[in-house]
C-alpha cells in the first residue's frame, strides 16, 4: 500500500486522468473527517467501500435465496420449464 501525506488543496494523480484532491479536513486523530474531490472520466465507477461491500453482500444473499423462475417466464427466456413434457401424454406416455 502506498501511503501519502497531503494538505488541503493538494492532490494525487492516478494514471493520466484521475485526480483526488483534499478539499477539507475537520477534527483530528481518529475522529478526523476528510473531504475529497475526485475528477475522473464518467466511465470510471467511484463508490465508497462500505456501499460497495453492501451491494456485494446483498447480491450474494439474493443469489443464494433466488426463487425458481415461473415456468412461463423460463420458457420465454428459452429454458425448459420443469414439469411434464408437453409431448408426453398422461402418465408420461408418448402419444400415438
PDB file of N, CA and C in Angstrom:
ATOM      1  N   UNK A   1       0.851  -1.169   0.000  1.00  0.00           N
ATOM      2  CA  UNK A   1       0.000   0.000   0.000  1.00  0.00           C
ATOM      3  C   UNK A   1       0.896   1.232   0.000  1.00  0.00           C
ATOM      4  N   UNK A   2       0.626   2.141  -0.883  1.00  0.00           N
ATOM      5  CA  UNK A   2       1.326   3.416  -0.929  1.00  0.00           C
ATOM      6  C   UNK A   2       0.639   4.366   0.044  1.00  0.00           C
ATOM      7  N   UNK A   3       1.395   4.991   0.917  1.00  0.00           N
ATOM      8  CA  UNK A   3       0.848   5.944   1.887  1.00  0.00           C
ATOM      9  C   UNK A   3       1.438   7.310   1.573  1.00  0.00           C
ATOM     10  N   UNK A   4       0.560   8.303   1.366  1.00  0.00           N
ATOM     11  CA  UNK A   4       0.980   9.662   1.042  1.00  0.00           C
ATOM     12  C   UNK A   4       0.443  10.637   2.077  1.00  0.00           C
ATOM     13  N   UNK A   5       1.149  11.730   2.259  1.00  0.00           N
ATOM     14  CA  UNK A   5       0.672  12.815   3.113  1.00  0.00           C
ATOM     15  C   UNK A   5       0.327  13.987   2.204  1.00  0.00           C
ATOM     16  N   UNK A   6      -0.860  14.535   2.376  1.00  0.00           N
ATOM     17  CA  UNK A   6      -1.312  15.665   1.568  1.00  0.00           C
ATOM     18  C   UNK A   6      -1.945  16.693   2.491  1.00  0.00           C
ATOM     19  N   UNK A   7      -1.915  17.936   2.076  1.00  0.00           N
ATOM     20  CA  UNK A   7      -2.573  19.022   2.803  1.00  0.00           C
ATOM     21  C   UNK A   7      -3.793  19.463   2.002  1.00  0.00           C
ATOM     22  N   UNK A   8      -4.639  20.270   2.623  1.00  0.00           N
ATOM     23  CA  UNK A   8      -5.817  20.804   1.936  1.00  0.00           C
ATOM     24  C   UNK A   8      -5.367  21.505   0.656  1.00  0.00           C
ATOM     25  N   UNK A   9      -6.119  21.273  -0.409  1.00  0.00           N
ATOM     26  CA  UNK A   9      -5.880  21.800  -1.755  1.00  0.00           C
ATOM     27  C   UNK A   9      -4.769  21.060  -2.502  1.00  0.00           C
ATOM     28  N   UNK A  10      -4.148  20.056  -1.908  1.00  0.00           N
ATOM     29  CA  UNK A  10      -3.164  19.257  -2.622  1.00  0.00           C
ATOM     30  C   UNK A  10      -3.855  18.031  -3.216  1.00  0.00           C
ATOM     31  N   UNK A  11      -3.249  17.467  -4.254  1.00  0.00           N
ATOM     32  CA  UNK A  11      -3.867  16.365  -4.996  1.00  0.00           C
ATOM     33  C   UNK A  11      -2.903  15.208  -5.152  1.00  0.00           C
ATOM     34  N   UNK A  12      -3.471  14.081  -5.547  1.00  0.00           N
ATOM     35  CA  UNK A  12      -2.690  12.965  -6.066  1.00  0.00           C
ATOM     36  C   UNK A  12      -3.306  12.595  -7.410  1.00  0.00           C
ATOM     37  N   UNK A  13      -2.501  12.040  -8.283  1.00  0.00           N
ATOM     38  CA  UNK A  13      -2.978  11.600  -9.589  1.00  0.00           C
ATOM     39  C   UNK A  13      -2.860  10.093  -9.677  1.00  0.00           C
ATOM     40  N   UNK A  14      -3.873   9.478 -10.280  1.00  0.00           N
ATOM     41  CA  UNK A  14      -3.856   8.049 -10.569  1.00  0.00           C
ATOM     42  C   UNK A  14      -3.944   7.936 -12.084  1.00  0.00           C
ATOM     43  N   UNK A  15      -2.876   7.460 -12.680  1.00  0.00           N
ATOM     44  CA  UNK A  15      -2.825   7.432 -14.136  1.00  0.00           C
ATOM     45  C   UNK A  15      -2.819   8.856 -14.669  1.00  0.00           C
ATOM     46  N   UNK A  16      -3.293   9.009 -15.903  1.00  0.00           N
ATOM     47  CA  UNK A  16      -3.310  10.324 -16.537  1.00  0.00           C
ATOM     48  C   UNK A  16      -4.607  11.084 -16.317  1.00  0.00           C
ATOM     49  N   UNK A  17      -5.657  10.387 -15.883  1.00  0.00           N
ATOM     50  CA  UNK A  17      -6.964  11.040 -15.925  1.00  0.00           C
ATOM     51  C   UNK A  17      -7.779  10.971 -14.637  1.00  0.00           C
ATOM     52  N   UNK A  18      -7.171  10.584 -13.528  1.00  0.00           N
ATOM     53  CA  UNK A  18      -7.896  10.563 -12.253  1.00  0.00           C
ATOM     54  C   UNK A  18      -7.124  11.413 -11.251  1.00  0.00           C
ATOM     55  N   UNK A  19      -7.804  12.412 -10.695  1.00  0.00           N
ATOM     56  CA  UNK A  19      -7.207  13.290  -9.695  1.00  0.00           C
ATOM     57  C   UNK A  19      -8.042  13.233  -8.424  1.00  0.00           C
ATOM     58  N   UNK A  20      -7.371  13.050  -7.300  1.00  0.00           N
ATOM     59  CA  UNK A  20      -8.036  13.064  -5.998  1.00  0.00           C
ATOM     60  C   UNK A  20      -7.452  14.238  -5.225  1.00  0.00           C
ATOM     61  N   UNK A  21      -8.326  15.171  -4.835  1.00  0.00           N
ATOM     62  CA  UNK A  21      -7.896  16.408  -4.190  1.00  0.00           C
ATOM     63  C   UNK A  21      -8.446  16.473  -2.773  1.00  0.00           C
ATOM     64  N   UNK A  22      -7.623  16.883  -1.826  1.00  0.00           N
ATOM     65  CA  UNK A  22      -8.060  17.082  -0.444  1.00  0.00           C
ATOM     66  C   UNK A  22      -8.766  18.435  -0.395  1.00  0.00           C
ATOM     67  N   UNK A  23     -10.051  18.442  -0.070  1.00  0.00           N
ATOM     68  CA  UNK A  23     -10.822  19.681  -0.021  1.00  0.00           C
ATOM     69  C   UNK A  23     -10.908  20.260   1.386  1.00  0.00           C
ATOM     70  N   UNK A  24     -11.028  19.370   2.383  1.00  0.00           N
ATOM     71  CA  UNK A  24     -11.232  19.853   3.746  1.00  0.00           C
ATOM     72  C   UNK A  24     -10.867  18.753   4.732  1.00  0.00           C
ATOM     73  N   UNK A  25     -10.331  19.146   5.875  1.00  0.00           N
ATOM     74  CA  UNK A  25     -10.075  18.220   6.977  1.00  0.00           C
ATOM     75  C   UNK A  25     -10.688  18.847   8.216  1.00  0.00           C
ATOM     76  N   UNK A  26     -11.593  18.108   8.875  1.00  0.00           N
ATOM     77  CA  UNK A  26     -12.229  18.588  10.114  1.00  0.00           C
ATOM     78  C   UNK A  26     -11.904  17.619  11.227  1.00  0.00           C
ATOM     79  N   UNK A  27     -11.564  18.145  12.389  1.00  0.00           N
ATOM     80  CA  UNK A  27     -11.255  17.299  13.527  1.00  0.00           C
ATOM     81  C   UNK A  27      -9.812  16.838  13.475  1.00  0.00           C
ATOM     82  N   UNK A  28      -9.486  15.940  14.415  1.00  0.00           N
ATOM     83  CA  UNK A  28      -8.109  15.449  14.490  1.00  0.00           C
ATOM     84  C   UNK A  28      -8.105  13.996  14.928  1.00  0.00           C
ATOM     85  N   UNK A  29      -7.016  13.331  14.662  1.00  0.00           N
ATOM     86  CA  UNK A  29      -6.857  11.949  15.090  1.00  0.00           C
ATOM     87  C   UNK A  29      -7.865  11.030  14.433  1.00  0.00           C
ATOM     88  N   UNK A  30      -8.306  10.025  15.193  1.00  0.00           N
ATOM     89  CA  UNK A  30      -9.233   9.019  14.666  1.00  0.00           C
ATOM     90  C   UNK A  30     -10.606   9.606  14.355  1.00  0.00           C
ATOM     91  N   UNK A  31     -10.918  10.764  14.915  1.00  0.00           N
ATOM     92  CA  UNK A  31     -12.220  11.395  14.673  1.00  0.00           C
ATOM     93  C   UNK A  31     -12.190  12.364  13.492  1.00  0.00           C
ATOM     94  N   UNK A  32     -11.052  12.519  12.837  1.00  0.00           N
ATOM     95  CA  UNK A  32     -10.933  13.446  11.713  1.00  0.00           C
ATOM     96  C   UNK A  32     -11.809  12.987  10.550  1.00  0.00           C
ATOM     97  N   UNK A  33     -12.350  13.961   9.852  1.00  0.00           N
ATOM     98  CA  UNK A  33     -13.146  13.703   8.656  1.00  0.00           C
ATOM     99  C   UNK A  33     -12.469  14.429   7.505  1.00  0.00           C
ATOM    100  N   UNK A  34     -12.194  13.705   6.443  1.00  0.00           N
ATOM    101  CA  UNK A  34     -11.514  14.270   5.282  1.00  0.00           C
ATOM    102  C   UNK A  34     -12.512  14.342   4.138  1.00  0.00           C
ATOM    103  N   UNK A  35     -12.605  15.492   3.518  1.00  0.00           N
ATOM    104  CA  UNK A  35     -13.489  15.660   2.363  1.00  0.00           C
ATOM    105  C   UNK A  35     -12.618  15.636   1.108  1.00  0.00           C
ATOM    106  N   UNK A  36     -12.949  14.725   0.192  1.00  0.00           N
ATOM    107  CA  UNK A  36     -12.171  14.528  -1.026  1.00  0.00           C
ATOM    108  C   UNK A  36     -12.956  14.989  -2.238  1.00  0.00           C
ATOM    109  N   UNK A  37     -12.254  15.494  -3.221  1.00  0.00           N
ATOM    110  CA  UNK A  37     -12.831  15.767  -4.528  1.00  0.00           C
ATOM    111  C   UNK A  37     -12.168  14.835  -5.523  1.00  0.00           C
ATOM    112  N   UNK A  38     -12.962  14.207  -6.381  1.00  0.00           N
ATOM    113  CA  UNK A  38     -12.412  13.243  -7.338  1.00  0.00           C
ATOM    114  C   UNK A  38     -12.809  13.675  -8.741  1.00  0.00           C
ATOM    115  N   UNK A  39     -11.818  13.816  -9.601  1.00  0.00           N
ATOM    116  CA  UNK A  39     -12.052  14.110 -11.010  1.00  0.00           C
ATOM    117  C   UNK A  39     -11.637  12.862 -11.777  1.00  0.00           C
ATOM    118  N   UNK A  40     -12.602  12.281 -12.494  1.00  0.00           N
ATOM    119  CA  UNK A  40     -12.337  11.050 -13.243  1.00  0.00           C
ATOM    120  C   UNK A  40     -13.288  10.983 -14.430  1.00  0.00           C
ATOM    121  N   UNK A  41     -12.930  10.215 -15.448  1.00  0.00           N
ATOM    122  CA  UNK A  41     -13.842  10.037 -16.581  1.00  0.00           C
ATOM    123  C   UNK A  41     -15.160   9.406 -16.126  1.00  0.00           C
ATOM    124  N   UNK A  42     -16.223   9.708 -16.843  1.00  0.00           N
ATOM    125  CA  UNK A  42     -17.536   9.146 -16.492  1.00  0.00           C
ATOM    126  C   UNK A  42     -17.543   7.624 -16.564  1.00  0.00           C
ATOM    127  N   UNK A  43     -16.640   7.049 -17.322  1.00  0.00           N
ATOM    128  CA  UNK A  43     -16.594   5.592 -17.458  1.00  0.00           C
ATOM    129  C   UNK A  43     -16.026   4.908 -16.217  1.00  0.00           C
ATOM    130  N   UNK A  44     -15.463   5.676 -15.294  1.00  0.00           N
ATOM    131  CA  UNK A  44     -14.885   5.118 -14.070  1.00  0.00           C
ATOM    132  C   UNK A  44     -15.940   5.140 -12.972  1.00  0.00           C
ATOM    133  N   UNK A  45     -16.239   3.978 -12.411  1.00  0.00           N
ATOM    134  CA  UNK A  45     -17.187   3.886 -11.304  1.00  0.00           C
ATOM    135  C   UNK A  45     -16.458   4.213 -10.011  1.00  0.00           C
ATOM    136  N   UNK A  46     -17.047   5.119  -9.226  1.00  0.00           N
ATOM    137  CA  UNK A  46     -16.454   5.504  -7.949  1.00  0.00           C
ATOM    138  C   UNK A  46     -17.484   5.235  -6.866  1.00  0.00           C
ATOM    139  N   UNK A  47     -17.149   4.361  -5.925  1.00  0.00           N
ATOM    140  CA  UNK A  47     -18.053   4.010  -4.827  1.00  0.00           C
ATOM    141  C   UNK A  47     -17.306   4.095  -3.507  1.00  0.00           C
ATOM    142  N   UNK A  48     -18.021   4.487  -2.458  1.00  0.00           N
ATOM    143  CA  UNK A  48     -17.454   4.352  -1.117  1.00  0.00           C
ATOM    144  C   UNK A  48     -17.383   2.859  -0.825  1.00  0.00           C
ATOM    145  N   UNK A  49     -16.314   2.418  -0.181  1.00  0.00           N
ATOM    146  CA  UNK A  49     -16.112   0.983   0.032  1.00  0.00           C
ATOM    147  C   UNK A  49     -17.256   0.354   0.808  1.00  0.00           C
ATOM    148  N   UNK A  50     -17.790   1.040   1.820  1.00  0.00           N
ATOM    149  CA  UNK A  50     -18.872   0.437   2.604  1.00  0.00           C
ATOM    150  C   UNK A  50     -20.122   0.221   1.751  1.00  0.00           C
ATOM    151  N   UNK A  51     -20.374   1.090   0.784  1.00  0.00           N
ATOM    152  CA  UNK A  51     -21.512   0.904  -0.128  1.00  0.00           C
ATOM    153  C   UNK A  51     -21.231  -0.279  -1.054  1.00  0.00           C
ATOM    154  N   UNK A  52     -20.026  -0.352  -1.592  1.00  0.00           N
ATOM    155  CA  UNK A  52     -19.645  -1.472  -2.452  1.00  0.00           C
ATOM    156  C   UNK A  52     -19.809  -2.802  -1.712  1.00  0.00           C
ATOM    157  N   UNK A  53     -19.322  -2.854  -0.471  1.00  0.00           N
ATOM    158  CA  UNK A  53     -19.432  -4.084   0.321  1.00  0.00           C
ATOM    159  C   UNK A  53     -20.890  -4.470   0.557  1.00  0.00           C
ATOM    160  N   UNK A  54     -21.770  -3.484   0.805  1.00  0.00           N
ATOM    161  CA  UNK A  54     -23.199  -3.768   0.998  1.00  0.00           C
ATOM    162  C   UNK A  54     -23.818  -4.340  -0.272  1.00  0.00           C
ATOM    163  N   UNK A  55     -23.472  -3.779  -1.419  1.00  0.00           N
ATOM    164  CA  UNK A  55     -24.015  -4.259  -2.696  1.00  0.00           C
ATOM    165  C   UNK A  55     -23.554  -5.689  -2.962  1.00  0.00           C
ATOM    166  N   UNK A  56     -22.278  -5.965  -2.736  1.00  0.00           N
ATOM    167  CA  UNK A  56     -21.748  -7.318  -2.939  1.00  0.00           C
ATOM    168  C   UNK A  56     -22.462  -8.302  -2.016  1.00  0.00           C
ATOM    169  N   UNK A  57     -22.642  -7.930  -0.753  1.00  0.00           N
ATOM    170  CA  UNK A  57     -23.315  -8.806   0.208  1.00  0.00           C
ATOM    171  C   UNK A  57     -24.774  -9.040  -0.189  1.00  0.00           C
ATOM    172  N   UNK A  58     -25.481  -7.978  -0.588  1.00  0.00           N
ATOM    173  CA  UNK A  58     -26.880  -8.120  -0.999  1.00  0.00           C
ATOM    174  C   UNK A  58     -26.994  -9.015  -2.228  1.00  0.00           C
ATOM    175  N   UNK A  59     -26.084  -8.861  -3.180  1.00  0.00           N
ATOM    176  CA  UNK A  59     -26.106  -9.710  -4.376  1.00  0.00           C
ATOM    177  C   UNK A  59     -25.850 -11.165  -4.021  1.00  0.00           C
ATOM    178  N   UNK A  60     -24.914 -11.395  -3.104  1.00  0.00           N
ATOM    179  CA  UNK A  60     -24.608 -12.765  -2.684  1.00  0.00           C
ATOM    180  C   UNK A  60     -25.834 -13.395  -2.020  1.00  0.00           C
ATOM    181  N   UNK A  61     -26.494 -12.640  -1.138  1.00  0.00           N
ATOM    182  CA  UNK A  61     -27.683 -13.165  -0.458  1.00  0.00           C
ATOM    183  C   UNK A  61     -28.810 -13.423  -1.446  1.00  0.00           C
ATOM    184  N   UNK A  62     -28.990 -12.518  -2.402  1.00  0.00           N
ATOM    185  CA  UNK A  62     -30.055 -12.696  -3.393  1.00  0.00           C
ATOM    186  C   UNK A  62     -29.794 -13.927  -4.252  1.00  0.00           C
ATOM    187  N   UNK A  63     -28.548 -14.163  -4.595  1.00  0.00           N
ATOM    188  CA  UNK A  63     -28.220 -15.334  -5.413  1.00  0.00           C
ATOM    189  C   UNK A  63     -28.470 -16.628  -4.655  1.00  0.00           C
ATOM    190  N   UNK A  64     -28.213 -16.626  -3.354  1.00  0.00           N
ATOM    191  CA  UNK A  64     -28.421 -17.826  -2.547  1.00  0.00           C
ATOM    192  C   UNK A  64     -29.902 -18.084  -2.298  1.00  0.00           C
ATOM    193  N   UNK A  65     -30.700 -17.029  -2.213  1.00  0.00           N
ATOM    194  CA  UNK A  65     -32.113 -17.178  -1.885  1.00  0.00           C
ATOM    195  C   UNK A  65     -33.003 -17.037  -3.113  1.00  0.00           C
ATOM    196  N   UNK A  66     -32.415 -17.113  -4.291  1.00  0.00           N
ATOM    197  CA  UNK A  66     -33.185 -16.905  -5.513  1.00  0.00           C
ATOM    198  C   UNK A  66     -34.282 -17.952  -5.643  1.00  0.00           C
ATOM    199  N   UNK A  67     -35.488 -17.471  -5.846  1.00  0.00           N
ATOM    200  CA  UNK A  67     -36.625 -18.368  -6.070  1.00  0.00           C
ATOM    201  C   UNK A  67     -36.573 -18.844  -7.519  1.00  0.00           C
ATOM    202  N   UNK A  68     -37.038 -20.048  -7.781  1.00  0.00           N
ATOM    203  CA  UNK A  68     -37.056 -20.520  -9.165  1.00  0.00           C
ATOM    204  C   UNK A  68     -37.976 -19.643 -10.013  1.00  0.00           C
ATOM    205  N   UNK A  69     -37.621 -19.509 -11.278  1.00  0.00           N
ATOM    206  CA  UNK A  69     -38.441 -18.718 -12.184  1.00  0.00           C
ATOM    207  C   UNK A  69     -39.748 -19.437 -12.472  1.00  0.00           C
ATOM    208  N   UNK A  70     -40.840 -18.679 -12.622  1.00  0.00           N
ATOM    209  CA  UNK A  70     -42.103 -19.306 -13.023  1.00  0.00           C
ATOM    210  C   UNK A  70     -41.924 -19.986 -14.384  1.00  0.00           C
ATOM    211  N   UNK A  71     -42.594 -21.129 -14.604  1.00  0.00           N
ATOM    212  CA  UNK A  71     -42.409 -21.888 -15.855  1.00  0.00           C
ATOM    213  C   UNK A  71     -42.622 -21.060 -17.116  1.00  0.00           C
ATOM    214  N   UNK A  72     -43.643 -20.182 -17.137  1.00  0.00           N
ATOM    215  CA  UNK A  72     -43.892 -19.393 -18.347  1.00  0.00           C
ATOM    216  C   UNK A  72     -42.750 -18.408 -18.613  1.00  0.00           C
ATOM    217  N   UNK A  73     -42.170 -17.842 -17.566  1.00  0.00           N
ATOM    218  CA  UNK A  73     -41.039 -16.937 -17.736  1.00  0.00           C
ATOM    219  C   UNK A  73     -39.806 -17.712 -18.185  1.00  0.00           C
ATOM    220  N   UNK A  74     -39.602 -18.873 -17.619  1.00  0.00           N
ATOM    221  CA  UNK A  74     -38.472 -19.708 -18.003  1.00  0.00           C
ATOM    222  C   UNK A  74     -38.567 -20.083 -19.480  1.00  0.00           C
ATOM    223  N   UNK A  75     -39.774 -20.447 -19.938  1.00  0.00           N
ATOM    224  CA  UNK A  75     -39.968 -20.775 -21.357  1.00  0.00           C
ATOM    225  C   UNK A  75     -39.702 -19.554 -22.231  1.00  0.00           C
ATOM    226  N   UNK A  76     -40.169 -18.376 -21.789  1.00  0.00           N
ATOM    227  CA  UNK A  76     -39.972 -17.153 -22.565  1.00  0.00           C
ATOM    228  C   UNK A  76     -38.490 -16.813 -22.688  1.00  0.00           C
ATOM    229  N   UNK A  77     -37.710 -17.187 -21.694  1.00  0.00           N
ATOM    230  CA  UNK A  77     -36.273 -16.940 -21.730  1.00  0.00           C
ATOM    231  C   UNK A  77     -35.517 -18.019 -22.491  1.00  0.00           C
ATOM    232  N   UNK A  78     -36.237 -19.017 -22.988  1.00  0.00           N
ATOM    233  CA  UNK A  78     -35.607 -20.051 -23.796  1.00  0.00           C
ATOM    234  C   UNK A  78     -35.191 -21.281 -23.026  1.00  0.00           C
ATOM    235  N   UNK A  79     -35.519 -21.340 -21.756  1.00  0.00           N
ATOM    236  CA  UNK A  79     -35.186 -22.516 -20.957  1.00  0.00           C
ATOM    237  C   UNK A  79     -36.354 -23.475 -20.932  1.00  0.00           C
ATOM    238  N   UNK A  80     -36.095 -24.676 -20.523  1.00  0.00           N
ATOM    239  CA  UNK A  80     -37.159 -25.669 -20.402  1.00  0.00           C
ATOM    240  C   UNK A  80     -37.794 -25.536 -19.034  1.00  0.00           C
ATOM    241  N   UNK A  81     -39.083 -25.457 -19.009  1.00  0.00           N
ATOM    242  CA  UNK A  81     -39.795 -25.375 -17.734  1.00  0.00           C
ATOM    243  C   UNK A  81     -39.841 -26.750 -17.098  1.00  0.00           C
ATOM    244  N   UNK A  82     -39.664 -26.812 -15.792  1.00  0.00           N
ATOM    245  CA  UNK A  82     -39.779 -28.108 -15.131  1.00  0.00           C
ATOM    246  C   UNK A  82     -41.213 -28.605 -15.206  1.00  0.00           C
ATOM    247  N   UNK A  83     -41.350 -29.886 -15.112  1.00  0.00           N
ATOM    248  CA  UNK A  83     -42.698 -30.446 -15.144  1.00  0.00           C
ATOM    249  C   UNK A  83     -42.849 -31.395 -16.307  1.00  0.00           C
ATOM    250  N   UNK A  84     -44.073 -31.859 -16.560  1.00  0.00           N
ATOM    251  CA  UNK A  84     -44.281 -32.849 -17.620  1.00  0.00           C
ATOM    252  C   UNK A  84     -43.961 -32.276 -18.992  1.00  0.00           C
ATOM    253  N   UNK A  85     -43.419 -33.137 -19.837  1.00  0.00           N
ATOM    254  CA  UNK A  85     -43.120 -32.761 -21.207  1.00  0.00           C
ATOM    255  C   UNK A  85     -44.438 -32.635 -21.961  1.00  0.00           C
ATOM    256  N   UNK A  86     -44.671 -31.509 -22.669  1.00  0.00           N
ATOM    257  CA  UNK A  86     -45.944 -31.362 -23.391  1.00  0.00           C
ATOM    258  C   UNK A  86     -46.120 -32.403 -24.486  1.00  0.00           C
ATOM    259  N   UNK A  87     -45.029 -33.060 -24.920  1.00  0.00           N
ATOM    260  CA  UNK A  87     -45.118 -34.111 -25.923  1.00  0.00           C
ATOM    261  C   UNK A  87     -45.620 -35.422 -25.330  1.00  0.00           C
ATOM    262  N   UNK A  88     -45.569 -35.532 -24.012  1.00  0.00           N
ATOM    263  CA  UNK A  88     -45.984 -36.769 -23.358  1.00  0.00           C
ATOM    264  C   UNK A  88     -47.474 -36.719 -23.043  1.00  0.00           C
ATOM    265  N   UNK A  89     -48.090 -37.868 -23.072  1.00  0.00           N
ATOM    266  CA  UNK A  89     -49.487 -37.978 -22.692  1.00  0.00           C
ATOM    267  C   UNK A  89     -49.608 -38.106 -21.190  1.00  0.00           C
ATOM    268  N   UNK A  90     -50.822 -38.350 -20.685  1.00  0.00           N
ATOM    269  CA  UNK A  90     -50.998 -38.531 -19.250  1.00  0.00           C
ATOM    270  C   UNK A  90     -50.169 -39.708 -18.760  1.00  0.00           C
ATOM    271  N   UNK A  91     -49.580 -39.553 -17.599  1.00  0.00           N
ATOM    272  CA  UNK A  91     -48.785 -40.630 -17.014  1.00  0.00           C
ATOM    273  C   UNK A  91     -47.410 -40.760 -17.634  1.00  0.00           C
ATOM    274  N   UNK A  92     -46.992 -39.795 -18.472  1.00  0.00           N
ATOM    275  CA  UNK A  92     -45.656 -39.820 -19.043  1.00  0.00           C
ATOM    276  C   UNK A  92     -45.527 -40.663 -20.289  1.00  0.00           C
ATOM    277  N   UNK A  93     -46.659 -41.108 -20.854  1.00  0.00           N
ATOM    278  CA  UNK A  93     -46.600 -41.952 -22.048  1.00  0.00           C
ATOM    279  C   UNK A  93     -46.529 -41.083 -23.295  1.00  0.00           C
ATOM    280  N   UNK A  94     -45.803 -41.566 -24.302  1.00  0.00           N
ATOM    281  CA  UNK A  94     -45.741 -40.871 -25.572  1.00  0.00           C
ATOM    282  C   UNK A  94     -47.042 -41.126 -26.328  1.00  0.00           C
ATOM    283  N   UNK A  95     -47.657 -40.069 -26.902  1.00  0.00           N
ATOM    284  CA  UNK A  95     -48.898 -40.281 -27.658  1.00  0.00           C
ATOM    285  C   UNK A  95     -48.629 -41.067 -28.945  1.00  0.00           C
ATOM    286  N   UNK A  96     -49.659 -41.787 -29.366  1.00  0.00           N
ATOM    287  CA  UNK A  96     -49.667 -42.437 -30.657  1.00  0.00           C
ATOM    288  C   UNK A  96     -49.044 -43.723 -30.669  1.00  0.00           C
TER     289      UNK A  96
END
